[in-house]
Amino acid sequence: MNEHFAAEILDRVALLDRVGDDAPFLLELAAMFSEQRDRLMSEIRAAMQAGDAAALARAAHTLKGCVGNLGGSLAFEAARRLETLARNGRLNEAREAAPRLEQEVTRFERALLRLAEELNRA
């Protein structure tokens, strides 16, 4: 994976600056993110199944904030797109965009956990 692409998945420099290279704090943030991700992805799936555009937009917006605060550019953009589609009532397109969000959030979470483990070992 090239360095630019890796930075789009997780901006390590910005995140490490934000947490001050504090490995325990980053591990705590990673654990909190994992819990939030599980809940929010469940909410997203349920909202799509129910055809509830407002609930979908809210969950996507919250997820967007979570990954954005932790430096996940690609996951942020995927969540932003899903939120926008939901706000515009375009649920069929949102259903098509959801797998991309799942993929990007999973890649982001893996990178976040990897970074936390690297810091913890250092």
Protein backbone atom coordinates (compact mmCIF):
# COMPACT_ATOMS: atom_id res chain seq x y z
CA MET A 1 0.00 0.00 0.00
CA ASN A 2 1.48 3.34 -0.94
CA GLU A 3 1.95 6.00 1.72
CA HIS A 4 -0.58 8.45 0.23
CA PHE A 5 -3.30 5.80 0.09
CA ALA A 6 -2.50 4.70 3.64
CA ALA A 7 -2.86 8.33 4.80
CA GLU A 8 -6.32 8.45 3.22
CA ILE A 9 -7.35 5.40 5.23
CA LEU A 10 -5.84 6.83 8.44
CA ASP A 11 -3.92 10.08 8.77
CA ARG A 12 -1.41 8.78 11.30
CA VAL A 13 0.45 12.06 11.64
CA ALA A 14 -2.67 14.07 12.46
CA LEU A 15 -4.01 11.43 14.84
CA LEU A 16 -0.71 11.03 16.69
CA ASP A 17 -0.49 14.80 16.99
CA ARG A 18 -4.04 14.85 18.37
CA VAL A 19 -3.32 12.18 21.02
CA GLY A 20 0.23 13.31 21.77
CA ASP A 21 1.73 9.87 21.04
CA ASP A 22 -0.15 8.57 24.12
CA ALA A 23 -0.50 4.83 23.42
CA PRO A 24 -2.97 4.04 26.24
CA PHE A 25 -5.20 6.93 25.19
CA LEU A 26 -5.10 5.81 21.55
CA LEU A 27 -5.96 2.24 22.60
CA GLU A 28 -8.91 3.63 24.56
CA LEU A 29 -10.05 5.69 21.56
CA ALA A 30 -9.74 2.64 19.29
CA ALA A 31 -11.85 0.54 21.68
CA MET A 32 -14.48 3.28 21.94
CA PHE A 33 -14.54 3.60 18.15
CA SER A 34 -15.07 -0.16 17.75
CA GLU A 35 -18.06 -0.03 20.09
CA GLN A 36 -19.52 3.01 18.32
CA ARG A 37 -18.91 1.46 14.90
CA ASP A 38 -20.81 -1.70 15.80
CA ARG A 39 -23.78 0.29 17.11
CA LEU A 40 -23.81 2.79 14.25
CA MET A 41 -23.45 0.21 11.49
CA SER A 42 -26.37 -1.71 13.05
CA GLU A 43 -28.41 1.51 13.08
CA ILE A 44 -27.49 2.15 9.44
CA ARG A 45 -28.54 -1.36 8.39
CA ALA A 46 -31.80 -1.13 10.37
CA ALA A 47 -32.63 2.31 8.95
CA MET A 48 -32.05 1.12 5.39
CA GLN A 49 -34.16 -1.98 5.96
CA ALA A 50 -36.97 0.16 7.42
CA GLY A 51 -36.64 2.78 4.68
CA ASP A 52 -36.08 5.45 7.37
CA ALA A 53 -34.06 8.15 5.61
CA ALA A 54 -33.92 10.42 8.68
CA ALA A 55 -32.52 7.68 10.94
CA LEU A 56 -30.07 6.70 8.21
CA ALA A 57 -28.87 10.28 7.84
CA ARG A 58 -28.42 10.64 11.63
CA ALA A 59 -26.43 7.42 11.98
CA ALA A 60 -24.26 8.20 8.94
CA HIS A 61 -23.66 11.72 10.27
CA THR A 62 -22.56 10.39 13.66
CA LEU A 63 -20.28 7.80 12.05
CA LYS A 64 -18.85 10.51 9.81
CA GLY A 65 -17.94 12.54 12.88
CA CYS A 66 -16.31 9.56 14.59
CA VAL A 67 -14.04 8.66 11.69
CA GLY A 68 -13.37 12.30 10.86
CA ASN A 69 -12.18 13.05 14.39
CA LEU A 70 -9.78 10.12 14.17
CA GLY A 71 -8.37 10.95 10.73
CA GLY A 72 -10.18 8.52 8.45
CA SER A 73 -10.55 10.36 5.12
CA LEU A 74 -11.96 7.58 2.94
CA ALA A 75 -14.38 6.38 5.63
CA PHE A 76 -15.39 10.00 6.26
CA GLU A 77 -16.18 10.52 2.58
CA ALA A 78 -18.15 7.26 2.37
CA ALA A 79 -20.20 8.25 5.44
CA ARG A 80 -20.69 11.77 4.07
CA ARG A 81 -22.00 10.33 0.80
CA LEU A 82 -24.43 8.02 2.60
CA GLU A 83 -25.63 10.88 4.81
CA THR A 84 -26.20 13.12 1.79
CA LEU A 85 -28.09 10.44 -0.10
CA ALA A 86 -30.29 9.79 2.94
CA ARG A 87 -30.96 13.50 3.50
CA ASN A 88 -32.06 13.73 -0.13
CA GLY A 89 -34.34 10.68 0.23
CA ARG A 90 -32.31 8.67 -2.26
CA LEU A 91 -32.53 5.37 -0.38
CA ASN A 92 -31.92 3.11 -3.40
CA GLU A 93 -28.61 4.88 -4.03
CA ALA A 94 -27.87 4.78 -0.30
CA ARG A 95 -28.31 0.99 -0.35
CA GLU A 96 -25.82 0.83 -3.20
CA ALA A 97 -23.36 3.09 -1.31
CA ALA A 98 -23.58 1.21 2.00
CA PRO A 99 -21.15 -1.61 1.12
CA ARG A 100 -18.47 0.96 0.32
CA LEU A 101 -19.01 2.54 3.74
CA GLU A 102 -18.69 -0.87 5.43
CA GLN A 103 -15.47 -1.53 3.51
CA GLU A 104 -13.90 1.82 4.31
CA VAL A 105 -14.89 1.74 7.97
CA THR A 106 -13.43 -1.76 8.32
CA ARG A 107 -10.16 -0.70 6.68
CA PHE A 108 -10.02 2.39 8.87
CA GLU A 109 -10.65 0.39 12.04
CA ARG A 110 -7.90 -2.09 11.15
CA ALA A 111 -5.44 0.74 10.53
CA LEU A 112 -6.46 2.43 13.79
CA LEU A 113 -5.97 -0.76 15.82
CA ARG A 114 -2.65 -1.46 14.08
CA LEU A 115 -1.40 2.02 14.96
CA ALA A 116 -2.53 1.65 18.57
CA GLU A 117 -0.72 -1.69 18.83
CA GLU A 118 2.45 -0.25 17.27
CA LEU A 119 2.44 2.61 19.78
CA ASN A 120 1.77 0.23 22.64
CA ARG A 121 4.78 -1.93 21.68
CA ALA A 122 7.12 1.07 21.33
